[in-house]
Amino acid sequence: MRYAPAVILSAAATLLVALPAARAADQKSQTVTIADGHVKLTIPAGWTEKAPRYRIIDHEFEVPAVAGDERPGRVTIMGASGSVEDNIDRWAGQFSQPDGSGTREKAKIRKFTVAGQDATIVDISGTYNDKVGPFVPGPGVQRPDYRLLGAIIQTKNDGKSTGNYFIKFYGPKNTIGGQEAAFTKMIEGLTTE
């Protein structure tokens, strides 16, 4: 079947108008819930939801790399057992320091309360030991100049604990730095129902 040039031009014009609108829709913030729907987080615009790599992850997002960084950032959200301090130690253990010093001692930790939930934000930098899976023994790929912003939300509903949720955002330090304000706003802006 042959189409007249006017039909082809009209279809092309429609597509060109639709593409920016589709991209704008992709850039909108979205909301995810944790703690059986009790806690809501607004995911920053531009973060792309991905199928979680592992079943233990509730939500996963890719954050676009900034110019000069070869890899995007990765965000995982999951509920798990373990104390806040144990998890900070685990995250710190995924990094090493170029000068051989301890990563845990260099971690920046801030504790606060938001919407009645106790929250902790952890900031860690160094060489990241990027493993294929969370429970794979042995060394992974060493990624220098990486950074992790992690949040631990100790959720509760009507004064009863609904578990700890861990939000891990890691990747090349410039990409993480470029999204630090968005990450902090997401955590500090969580809401409850």
N, C-alpha and C. Protein backbone atom coordinates (compact mmCIF):
# COMPACT_ATOMS: atom_id res chain seq x y z
N MET A 1 0.85 -1.18 0.00
CA MET A 1 0.00 0.00 0.00
C MET A 1 0.89 1.24 0.00
N ARG A 2 0.55 2.21 -0.83
CA ARG A 2 1.34 3.45 -0.91
C ARG A 2 0.57 4.56 -0.22
N TYR A 3 1.32 5.43 0.47
CA TYR A 3 0.73 6.56 1.17
C TYR A 3 1.13 7.85 0.46
N ALA A 4 0.22 8.79 0.44
CA ALA A 4 0.50 10.10 -0.15
C ALA A 4 1.51 10.83 0.73
N PRO A 5 2.37 11.67 0.13
CA PRO A 5 3.35 12.43 0.92
C PRO A 5 2.72 13.23 2.04
N ALA A 6 1.53 13.76 1.84
CA ALA A 6 0.88 14.56 2.89
C ALA A 6 0.56 13.69 4.10
N VAL A 7 0.16 12.43 3.88
CA VAL A 7 -0.14 11.51 4.98
C VAL A 7 1.13 11.19 5.75
N ILE A 8 2.21 10.95 5.03
CA ILE A 8 3.49 10.64 5.68
C ILE A 8 3.96 11.83 6.50
N LEU A 9 3.90 13.04 5.95
CA LEU A 9 4.31 14.24 6.68
C LEU A 9 3.44 14.46 7.91
N SER A 10 2.14 14.22 7.78
CA SER A 10 1.24 14.39 8.91
C SER A 10 1.58 13.40 10.03
N ALA A 11 1.85 12.15 9.64
CA ALA A 11 2.21 11.13 10.63
C ALA A 11 3.53 11.49 11.31
N ALA A 12 4.50 11.98 10.54
CA ALA A 12 5.79 12.37 11.10
C ALA A 12 5.63 13.53 12.08
N ALA A 13 4.80 14.51 11.72
CA ALA A 13 4.56 15.66 12.60
C ALA A 13 3.90 15.21 13.90
N THR A 14 2.95 14.29 13.80
CA THR A 14 2.28 13.77 14.99
C THR A 14 3.28 13.07 15.90
N LEU A 15 4.18 12.28 15.31
CA LEU A 15 5.19 11.58 16.08
C LEU A 15 6.13 12.56 16.77
N LEU A 16 6.55 13.60 16.08
CA LEU A 16 7.46 14.59 16.67
C LEU A 16 6.81 15.34 17.83
N VAL A 17 5.52 15.56 17.75
CA VAL A 17 4.81 16.22 18.85
C VAL A 17 4.64 15.24 20.01
N ALA A 18 4.39 13.97 19.71
CA ALA A 18 4.14 12.98 20.75
C ALA A 18 5.40 12.62 21.52
N LEU A 19 6.57 12.62 20.87
CA LEU A 19 7.80 12.23 21.55
C LEU A 19 8.14 13.10 22.74
N PRO A 20 8.14 14.45 22.62
CA PRO A 20 8.42 15.25 23.80
C PRO A 20 7.41 15.02 24.92
N ALA A 21 6.14 14.82 24.57
CA ALA A 21 5.14 14.56 25.59
C ALA A 21 5.42 13.24 26.29
N ALA A 22 5.83 12.22 25.53
CA ALA A 22 6.16 10.92 26.14
C ALA A 22 7.38 11.06 27.04
N ARG A 23 8.38 11.81 26.59
CA ARG A 23 9.57 12.01 27.43
C ARG A 23 9.21 12.78 28.69
N ALA A 24 8.35 13.77 28.58
CA ALA A 24 7.92 14.53 29.75
C ALA A 24 7.20 13.61 30.74
N ALA A 25 6.38 12.70 30.22
CA ALA A 25 5.69 11.76 31.10
C ALA A 25 6.69 10.86 31.81
N ASP A 26 7.76 10.45 31.10
CA ASP A 26 8.78 9.61 31.71
C ASP A 26 9.51 10.34 32.83
N GLN A 27 9.58 11.67 32.74
CA GLN A 27 10.33 12.45 33.70
C GLN A 27 9.52 12.78 34.96
N LYS A 28 8.24 12.44 34.99
CA LYS A 28 7.42 12.73 36.16
C LYS A 28 7.86 11.87 37.34
N SER A 29 7.67 12.43 38.53
CA SER A 29 7.94 11.68 39.75
C SER A 29 6.90 10.58 39.89
N GLN A 30 7.29 9.53 40.58
CA GLN A 30 6.35 8.46 40.87
C GLN A 30 6.44 8.13 42.35
N THR A 31 5.45 7.45 42.85
CA THR A 31 5.40 7.12 44.26
C THR A 31 5.48 5.61 44.44
N VAL A 32 6.26 5.18 45.43
CA VAL A 32 6.30 3.78 45.81
C VAL A 32 5.95 3.69 47.29
N THR A 33 5.42 2.55 47.68
CA THR A 33 5.07 2.35 49.08
C THR A 33 5.90 1.23 49.68
N ILE A 34 6.14 1.37 50.96
CA ILE A 34 6.81 0.33 51.75
C ILE A 34 6.01 0.15 53.03
N ALA A 35 6.40 -0.81 53.84
CA ALA A 35 5.74 -1.07 55.13
C ALA A 35 4.25 -1.33 54.93
N ASP A 36 3.95 -2.27 54.04
CA ASP A 36 2.57 -2.66 53.77
C ASP A 36 1.70 -1.48 53.35
N GLY A 37 2.27 -0.55 52.59
CA GLY A 37 1.53 0.59 52.09
C GLY A 37 1.42 1.75 53.06
N HIS A 38 2.01 1.62 54.23
CA HIS A 38 1.91 2.67 55.26
C HIS A 38 2.82 3.86 54.97
N VAL A 39 3.98 3.63 54.36
CA VAL A 39 4.96 4.70 54.09
C VAL A 39 5.10 4.89 52.59
N LYS A 40 5.06 6.16 52.15
CA LYS A 40 5.19 6.47 50.73
C LYS A 40 6.44 7.30 50.48
N LEU A 41 7.11 6.98 49.40
CA LEU A 41 8.29 7.73 48.95
C LEU A 41 8.02 8.24 47.54
N THR A 42 8.34 9.50 47.30
CA THR A 42 8.22 10.08 45.96
C THR A 42 9.57 9.96 45.28
N ILE A 43 9.63 9.15 44.25
CA ILE A 43 10.87 8.90 43.52
C ILE A 43 11.15 10.11 42.62
N PRO A 44 12.39 10.62 42.63
CA PRO A 44 12.70 11.80 41.81
C PRO A 44 12.47 11.57 40.32
N ALA A 45 12.07 12.63 39.64
CA ALA A 45 11.89 12.58 38.19
C ALA A 45 13.21 12.20 37.53
N GLY A 46 13.11 11.41 36.48
CA GLY A 46 14.30 11.00 35.74
C GLY A 46 14.89 9.68 36.20
N TRP A 47 14.48 9.18 37.37
CA TRP A 47 14.92 7.87 37.82
C TRP A 47 14.03 6.83 37.13
N THR A 48 14.64 5.83 36.52
CA THR A 48 13.89 4.85 35.74
C THR A 48 13.72 3.56 36.53
N GLU A 49 12.47 3.14 36.69
CA GLU A 49 12.22 1.89 37.42
C GLU A 49 12.67 0.71 36.57
N LYS A 50 13.32 -0.24 37.23
CA LYS A 50 13.82 -1.46 36.59
C LYS A 50 13.26 -2.67 37.32
N ALA A 51 13.25 -3.79 36.63
CA ALA A 51 12.92 -5.05 37.31
C ALA A 51 14.05 -5.34 38.30
N PRO A 52 13.72 -5.61 39.56
CA PRO A 52 14.78 -5.89 40.54
C PRO A 52 15.65 -7.07 40.11
N ARG A 53 16.95 -6.93 40.33
CA ARG A 53 17.90 -8.00 39.97
C ARG A 53 17.72 -9.23 40.84
N TYR A 54 17.26 -9.02 42.07
CA TYR A 54 17.11 -10.14 43.01
C TYR A 54 15.74 -10.06 43.66
N ARG A 55 15.20 -11.21 44.04
CA ARG A 55 13.86 -11.28 44.61
C ARG A 55 13.72 -10.54 45.93
N ILE A 56 14.81 -10.36 46.66
CA ILE A 56 14.72 -9.70 47.96
C ILE A 56 14.52 -8.19 47.83
N ILE A 57 14.69 -7.64 46.64
CA ILE A 57 14.54 -6.20 46.41
C ILE A 57 13.09 -5.90 46.05
N ASP A 58 12.51 -4.92 46.74
CA ASP A 58 11.12 -4.53 46.47
C ASP A 58 11.02 -3.62 45.25
N HIS A 59 11.93 -2.64 45.15
CA HIS A 59 11.93 -1.67 44.05
C HIS A 59 13.37 -1.39 43.66
N GLU A 60 13.59 -1.17 42.35
CA GLU A 60 14.93 -0.83 41.85
C GLU A 60 14.80 0.26 40.80
N PHE A 61 15.76 1.20 40.82
CA PHE A 61 15.76 2.31 39.87
C PHE A 61 17.17 2.53 39.33
N GLU A 62 17.24 3.01 38.09
CA GLU A 62 18.50 3.43 37.49
C GLU A 62 18.49 4.95 37.41
N VAL A 63 19.62 5.55 37.79
CA VAL A 63 19.77 7.00 37.78
C VAL A 63 20.79 7.35 36.71
N PRO A 64 20.43 8.20 35.74
CA PRO A 64 21.34 8.48 34.62
C PRO A 64 22.69 9.01 35.08
N ALA A 65 23.74 8.54 34.42
CA ALA A 65 25.10 9.00 34.71
C ALA A 65 25.26 10.45 34.26
N VAL A 66 26.04 11.21 35.02
CA VAL A 66 26.37 12.57 34.58
C VAL A 66 27.50 12.48 33.57
N ALA A 67 27.71 13.56 32.83
CA ALA A 67 28.78 13.59 31.83
C ALA A 67 30.10 13.25 32.49
N GLY A 68 30.83 12.34 31.87
CA GLY A 68 32.12 11.92 32.39
C GLY A 68 32.09 10.61 33.17
N ASP A 69 30.91 10.23 33.68
CA ASP A 69 30.76 8.95 34.38
C ASP A 69 30.31 7.91 33.38
N GLU A 70 30.94 6.73 33.43
CA GLU A 70 30.62 5.67 32.47
C GLU A 70 29.42 4.82 32.89
N ARG A 71 29.10 4.81 34.17
CA ARG A 71 28.04 3.94 34.66
C ARG A 71 26.94 4.76 35.33
N PRO A 72 25.70 4.30 35.26
CA PRO A 72 24.62 5.00 35.96
C PRO A 72 24.65 4.68 37.46
N GLY A 73 23.84 5.40 38.21
CA GLY A 73 23.64 5.06 39.62
C GLY A 73 22.55 4.01 39.73
N ARG A 74 22.56 3.30 40.83
CA ARG A 74 21.57 2.25 41.08
C ARG A 74 20.93 2.50 42.44
N VAL A 75 19.62 2.37 42.51
CA VAL A 75 18.87 2.53 43.75
C VAL A 75 18.11 1.24 44.01
N THR A 76 18.25 0.71 45.22
CA THR A 76 17.46 -0.45 45.61
C THR A 76 16.70 -0.11 46.89
N ILE A 77 15.48 -0.62 46.99
CA ILE A 77 14.64 -0.42 48.17
C ILE A 77 14.17 -1.79 48.61
N MET A 78 14.42 -2.11 49.88
CA MET A 78 14.03 -3.43 50.37
C MET A 78 13.83 -3.42 51.88
N GLY A 79 12.95 -4.28 52.33
CA GLY A 79 12.79 -4.53 53.74
C GLY A 79 13.69 -5.70 54.13
N ALA A 80 14.29 -5.61 55.31
CA ALA A 80 15.17 -6.70 55.75
C ALA A 80 15.34 -6.63 57.26
N SER A 81 15.86 -7.71 57.80
CA SER A 81 16.13 -7.74 59.23
C SER A 81 17.52 -7.16 59.49
N GLY A 82 17.87 -7.07 60.74
CA GLY A 82 19.17 -6.52 61.11
C GLY A 82 19.02 -5.12 61.66
N SER A 83 19.95 -4.76 62.52
CA SER A 83 19.88 -3.45 63.15
C SER A 83 20.43 -2.37 62.22
N VAL A 84 20.18 -1.14 62.60
CA VAL A 84 20.71 -0.01 61.85
C VAL A 84 22.23 -0.07 61.82
N GLU A 85 22.84 -0.29 62.97
CA GLU A 85 24.31 -0.32 63.05
C GLU A 85 24.90 -1.47 62.25
N ASP A 86 24.26 -2.64 62.29
CA ASP A 86 24.74 -3.78 61.51
C ASP A 86 24.72 -3.45 60.02
N ASN A 87 23.67 -2.76 59.58
CA ASN A 87 23.58 -2.45 58.16
C ASN A 87 24.58 -1.38 57.75
N ILE A 88 24.83 -0.40 58.62
CA ILE A 88 25.88 0.60 58.32
C ILE A 88 27.22 -0.11 58.18
N ASP A 89 27.50 -1.04 59.09
CA ASP A 89 28.75 -1.81 59.01
C ASP A 89 28.83 -2.60 57.71
N ARG A 90 27.72 -3.18 57.28
CA ARG A 90 27.69 -3.97 56.04
C ARG A 90 27.99 -3.08 54.84
N TRP A 91 27.33 -1.92 54.78
CA TRP A 91 27.58 -0.98 53.68
C TRP A 91 29.04 -0.51 53.69
N ALA A 92 29.55 -0.17 54.86
CA ALA A 92 30.95 0.28 54.95
C ALA A 92 31.90 -0.83 54.50
N GLY A 93 31.55 -2.08 54.80
CA GLY A 93 32.38 -3.22 54.41
C GLY A 93 32.44 -3.44 52.91
N GLN A 94 31.55 -2.80 52.16
CA GLN A 94 31.56 -2.92 50.71
C GLN A 94 32.54 -1.94 50.06
N PHE A 95 33.15 -1.10 50.87
CA PHE A 95 34.09 -0.08 50.39
C PHE A 95 35.46 -0.27 51.04
N SER A 96 36.48 0.15 50.32
CA SER A 96 37.83 0.25 50.89
C SER A 96 38.34 1.65 50.60
N GLN A 97 39.37 2.06 51.36
CA GLN A 97 39.94 3.39 51.22
C GLN A 97 41.30 3.31 50.55
N PRO A 98 41.60 4.24 49.66
CA PRO A 98 42.90 4.22 48.96
C PRO A 98 44.09 4.24 49.91
N ASP A 99 43.92 4.90 51.07
CA ASP A 99 45.04 4.99 52.02
C ASP A 99 45.04 3.84 53.03
N GLY A 100 44.12 2.89 52.88
CA GLY A 100 44.08 1.73 53.77
C GLY A 100 43.36 1.98 55.10
N SER A 101 42.85 3.17 55.31
CA SER A 101 42.15 3.49 56.56
C SER A 101 40.76 2.83 56.57
N GLY A 102 40.12 2.86 57.72
CA GLY A 102 38.81 2.24 57.86
C GLY A 102 37.70 3.08 57.26
N THR A 103 36.84 2.43 56.51
CA THR A 103 35.72 3.13 55.87
C THR A 103 34.66 3.51 56.89
N ARG A 104 34.38 2.65 57.85
CA ARG A 104 33.31 2.91 58.83
C ARG A 104 33.57 4.20 59.59
N GLU A 105 34.82 4.46 59.91
CA GLU A 105 35.17 5.67 60.66
C GLU A 105 34.98 6.93 59.81
N LYS A 106 35.05 6.79 58.50
CA LYS A 106 34.90 7.95 57.60
C LYS A 106 33.46 8.18 57.16
N ALA A 107 32.59 7.23 57.44
CA ALA A 107 31.19 7.36 57.04
C ALA A 107 30.54 8.53 57.77
N LYS A 108 29.73 9.29 57.03
CA LYS A 108 28.95 10.37 57.63
C LYS A 108 27.56 9.82 57.91
N ILE A 109 27.09 10.01 59.13
CA ILE A 109 25.81 9.44 59.56
C ILE A 109 24.95 10.53 60.17
N ARG A 110 23.70 10.60 59.72
CA ARG A 110 22.75 11.58 60.26
C ARG A 110 21.47 10.86 60.61
N LYS A 111 21.01 11.04 61.86
CA LYS A 111 19.77 10.42 62.33
C LYS A 111 18.74 11.52 62.58
N PHE A 112 17.49 11.23 62.20
CA PHE A 112 16.42 12.20 62.38
C PHE A 112 15.08 11.47 62.35
N THR A 113 14.01 12.21 62.59
CA THR A 113 12.66 11.64 62.54
C THR A 113 11.87 12.38 61.46
N VAL A 114 11.15 11.63 60.64
CA VAL A 114 10.31 12.21 59.60
C VAL A 114 8.99 11.47 59.57
N ALA A 115 7.89 12.21 59.63
CA ALA A 115 6.54 11.63 59.61
C ALA A 115 6.39 10.51 60.63
N GLY A 116 7.00 10.70 61.80
CA GLY A 116 6.90 9.72 62.87
C GLY A 116 7.79 8.50 62.71
N GLN A 117 8.63 8.47 61.68
CA GLN A 117 9.51 7.33 61.42
C GLN A 117 10.96 7.73 61.74
N ASP A 118 11.68 6.86 62.41
CA ASP A 118 13.10 7.10 62.66
C ASP A 118 13.87 6.81 61.38
N ALA A 119 14.75 7.73 61.01
CA ALA A 119 15.51 7.58 59.77
C ALA A 119 16.98 7.85 60.01
N THR A 120 17.80 7.19 59.22
CA THR A 120 19.25 7.38 59.25
C THR A 120 19.72 7.49 57.82
N ILE A 121 20.53 8.51 57.53
CA ILE A 121 21.16 8.63 56.22
C ILE A 121 22.66 8.44 56.40
N VAL A 122 23.23 7.59 55.56
CA VAL A 122 24.65 7.25 55.61
C VAL A 122 25.29 7.68 54.29
N ASP A 123 26.48 8.28 54.38
CA ASP A 123 27.21 8.74 53.20
C ASP A 123 28.60 8.11 53.25
N ILE A 124 28.92 7.28 52.27
CA ILE A 124 30.19 6.54 52.23
C ILE A 124 30.83 6.72 50.86
N SER A 125 32.14 6.95 50.84
CA SER A 125 32.88 7.06 49.58
C SER A 125 34.11 6.18 49.63
N GLY A 126 34.64 5.85 48.45
CA GLY A 126 35.86 5.05 48.36
C GLY A 126 35.81 4.15 47.14
N THR A 127 36.51 3.01 47.23
CA THR A 127 36.49 2.02 46.17
C THR A 127 35.43 0.98 46.52
N TYR A 128 34.46 0.83 45.64
CA TYR A 128 33.33 -0.06 45.88
C TYR A 128 33.64 -1.45 45.36
N ASN A 129 33.37 -2.47 46.17
CA ASN A 129 33.54 -3.86 45.78
C ASN A 129 32.22 -4.33 45.17
N ASP A 130 32.11 -4.23 43.85
CA ASP A 130 30.87 -4.50 43.12
C ASP A 130 30.78 -5.98 42.79
N LYS A 131 29.94 -6.69 43.57
CA LYS A 131 29.79 -8.14 43.39
C LYS A 131 28.60 -8.46 42.51
N VAL A 132 28.61 -9.65 41.93
CA VAL A 132 27.52 -10.11 41.08
C VAL A 132 26.23 -10.21 41.89
N GLY A 133 26.31 -10.68 43.12
CA GLY A 133 25.14 -10.83 43.97
C GLY A 133 25.48 -10.49 45.40
N PRO A 134 24.48 -10.23 46.23
CA PRO A 134 24.72 -9.78 47.59
C PRO A 134 25.38 -10.84 48.48
N PHE A 135 25.25 -12.11 48.15
CA PHE A 135 25.79 -13.16 49.02
C PHE A 135 26.89 -13.97 48.34
N VAL A 136 27.48 -13.41 47.29
CA VAL A 136 28.55 -14.10 46.56
C VAL A 136 29.86 -13.88 47.31
N PRO A 137 30.54 -14.95 47.71
CA PRO A 137 31.81 -14.78 48.42
C PRO A 137 32.93 -14.33 47.46
N GLY A 138 33.98 -13.79 48.05
CA GLY A 138 35.14 -13.40 47.26
C GLY A 138 35.03 -11.99 46.71
N PRO A 139 36.09 -11.56 46.04
CA PRO A 139 36.13 -10.18 45.53
C PRO A 139 35.23 -10.00 44.31
N GLY A 140 34.79 -8.76 44.14
CA GLY A 140 34.03 -8.38 42.96
C GLY A 140 34.88 -7.44 42.12
N VAL A 141 34.24 -6.66 41.28
CA VAL A 141 34.93 -5.66 40.47
C VAL A 141 35.18 -4.44 41.35
N GLN A 142 36.43 -4.01 41.42
CA GLN A 142 36.78 -2.84 42.23
C GLN A 142 36.49 -1.56 41.45
N ARG A 143 35.62 -0.70 41.99
CA ARG A 143 35.21 0.52 41.32
C ARG A 143 35.65 1.73 42.15
N PRO A 144 36.80 2.32 41.77
CA PRO A 144 37.28 3.49 42.51
C PRO A 144 36.36 4.69 42.32
N ASP A 145 36.45 5.64 43.25
CA ASP A 145 35.69 6.89 43.18
C ASP A 145 34.19 6.64 43.12
N TYR A 146 33.73 5.71 43.93
CA TYR A 146 32.30 5.44 44.05
C TYR A 146 31.80 6.06 45.35
N ARG A 147 30.48 6.21 45.40
CA ARG A 147 29.86 6.78 46.59
C ARG A 147 28.53 6.09 46.83
N LEU A 148 28.15 5.99 48.09
CA LEU A 148 26.88 5.40 48.48
C LEU A 148 26.15 6.38 49.39
N LEU A 149 24.91 6.65 49.07
CA LEU A 149 24.00 7.32 49.99
C LEU A 149 22.97 6.27 50.37
N GLY A 150 22.90 5.98 51.64
CA GLY A 150 21.96 4.95 52.09
C GLY A 150 21.03 5.53 53.13
N ALA A 151 19.80 5.08 53.11
CA ALA A 151 18.83 5.49 54.13
C ALA A 151 18.24 4.24 54.76
N ILE A 152 18.09 4.31 56.05
CA ILE A 152 17.44 3.23 56.80
C ILE A 152 16.22 3.86 57.47
N ILE A 153 15.06 3.33 57.13
CA ILE A 153 13.81 3.83 57.70
C ILE A 153 13.27 2.76 58.64
N GLN A 154 13.15 3.11 59.92
CA GLN A 154 12.60 2.19 60.91
C GLN A 154 11.10 2.48 60.98
N THR A 155 10.35 1.73 60.19
CA THR A 155 8.93 2.05 60.02
C THR A 155 8.10 1.56 61.19
N LYS A 156 7.06 2.33 61.46
CA LYS A 156 6.09 1.92 62.48
C LYS A 156 4.74 2.50 62.13
N ASN A 157 3.70 1.80 62.56
CA ASN A 157 2.33 2.19 62.31
C ASN A 157 1.59 2.07 63.64
N ASP A 158 0.98 3.17 64.09
CA ASP A 158 0.31 3.20 65.40
C ASP A 158 1.26 2.75 66.51
N GLY A 159 2.51 3.17 66.42
CA GLY A 159 3.49 2.87 67.45
C GLY A 159 4.10 1.49 67.38
N LYS A 160 3.63 0.65 66.45
CA LYS A 160 4.15 -0.71 66.32
C LYS A 160 5.11 -0.79 65.13
N SER A 161 6.21 -1.47 65.32
CA SER A 161 7.20 -1.61 64.25
C SER A 161 6.63 -2.40 63.08
N THR A 162 6.89 -1.89 61.87
CA THR A 162 6.53 -2.63 60.66
C THR A 162 7.79 -3.01 59.89
N GLY A 163 8.94 -2.88 60.56
CA GLY A 163 10.19 -3.35 59.98
C GLY A 163 11.12 -2.25 59.50
N ASN A 164 12.35 -2.65 59.24
CA ASN A 164 13.36 -1.73 58.72
C ASN A 164 13.38 -1.82 57.20
N TYR A 165 13.50 -0.67 56.56
CA TYR A 165 13.61 -0.60 55.10
C TYR A 165 14.91 0.10 54.75
N PHE A 166 15.59 -0.44 53.75
CA PHE A 166 16.92 0.02 53.37
C PHE A 166 16.88 0.54 51.94
N ILE A 167 17.29 1.78 51.79
CA ILE A 167 17.32 2.42 50.47
C ILE A 167 18.78 2.72 50.16
N LYS A 168 19.31 2.04 49.19
CA LYS A 168 20.73 2.12 48.85
C LYS A 168 20.87 2.75 47.47
N PHE A 169 21.59 3.87 47.42
CA PHE A 169 21.84 4.59 46.17
C PHE A 169 23.35 4.67 46.00
N TYR A 170 23.87 3.99 44.98
CA TYR A 170 25.32 3.97 44.82
C TYR A 170 25.70 4.05 43.35
N GLY A 171 26.95 4.47 43.12
CA GLY A 171 27.46 4.59 41.77
C GLY A 171 28.64 5.54 41.74
N PRO A 172 29.06 5.98 40.56
CA PRO A 172 30.17 6.93 40.46
C PRO A 172 29.87 8.19 41.28
N LYS A 173 30.90 8.69 41.96
CA LYS A 173 30.65 9.77 42.93
C LYS A 173 30.05 11.03 42.32
N ASN A 174 30.38 11.37 41.07
CA ASN A 174 29.80 12.57 40.48
C ASN A 174 28.31 12.39 40.18
N THR A 175 27.93 11.21 39.74
CA THR A 175 26.52 10.92 39.50
C THR A 175 25.74 10.96 40.80
N ILE A 176 26.29 10.38 41.85
CA ILE A 176 25.62 10.39 43.15
C ILE A 176 25.54 11.82 43.67
N GLY A 177 26.63 12.57 43.56
CA GLY A 177 26.64 13.95 44.02
C GLY A 177 25.62 14.81 43.29
N GLY A 178 25.45 14.55 42.00
CA GLY A 178 24.48 15.31 41.22
C GLY A 178 23.04 15.05 41.62
N GLN A 179 22.79 13.92 42.28
CA GLN A 179 21.43 13.56 42.69
C GLN A 179 21.26 13.55 44.22
N GLU A 180 22.28 14.02 44.93
CA GLU A 180 22.22 13.98 46.40
C GLU A 180 21.02 14.76 46.94
N ALA A 181 20.78 15.96 46.41
CA ALA A 181 19.65 16.76 46.89
C ALA A 181 18.32 16.05 46.62
N ALA A 182 18.20 15.41 45.46
CA ALA A 182 16.96 14.69 45.12
C ALA A 182 16.76 13.50 46.06
N PHE A 183 17.85 12.78 46.35
CA PHE A 183 17.77 11.64 47.26
C PHE A 183 17.34 12.10 48.65
N THR A 184 17.98 13.15 49.14
CA THR A 184 17.67 13.67 50.48
C THR A 184 16.22 14.14 50.54
N LYS A 185 15.76 14.82 49.51
CA LYS A 185 14.37 15.29 49.46
C LYS A 185 13.41 14.11 49.49
N MET A 186 13.74 13.02 48.79
CA MET A 186 12.89 11.84 48.79
C MET A 186 12.75 11.28 50.20
N ILE A 187 13.87 11.17 50.92
CA ILE A 187 13.83 10.60 52.26
C ILE A 187 13.14 11.56 53.23
N GLU A 188 13.52 12.82 53.21
CA GLU A 188 12.96 13.79 54.13
C GLU A 188 11.49 14.10 53.83
N GLY A 189 11.04 13.76 52.63
CA GLY A 189 9.67 14.03 52.25
C GLY A 189 8.75 12.83 52.32
N LEU A 190 9.21 11.72 52.91
CA LEU A 190 8.33 10.55 52.97
C LEU A 190 7.08 10.87 53.76
N THR A 191 6.00 10.22 53.42
CA THR A 191 4.73 10.45 54.09
C THR A 191 4.17 9.12 54.58
N THR A 192 3.23 9.21 55.51
CA THR A 192 2.60 8.00 56.05
C THR A 192 1.10 8.11 55.91
N GLU A 193 0.46 6.96 55.89
CA GLU A 193 -1.01 6.90 55.84
C GLU A 193 -1.52 6.21 57.08
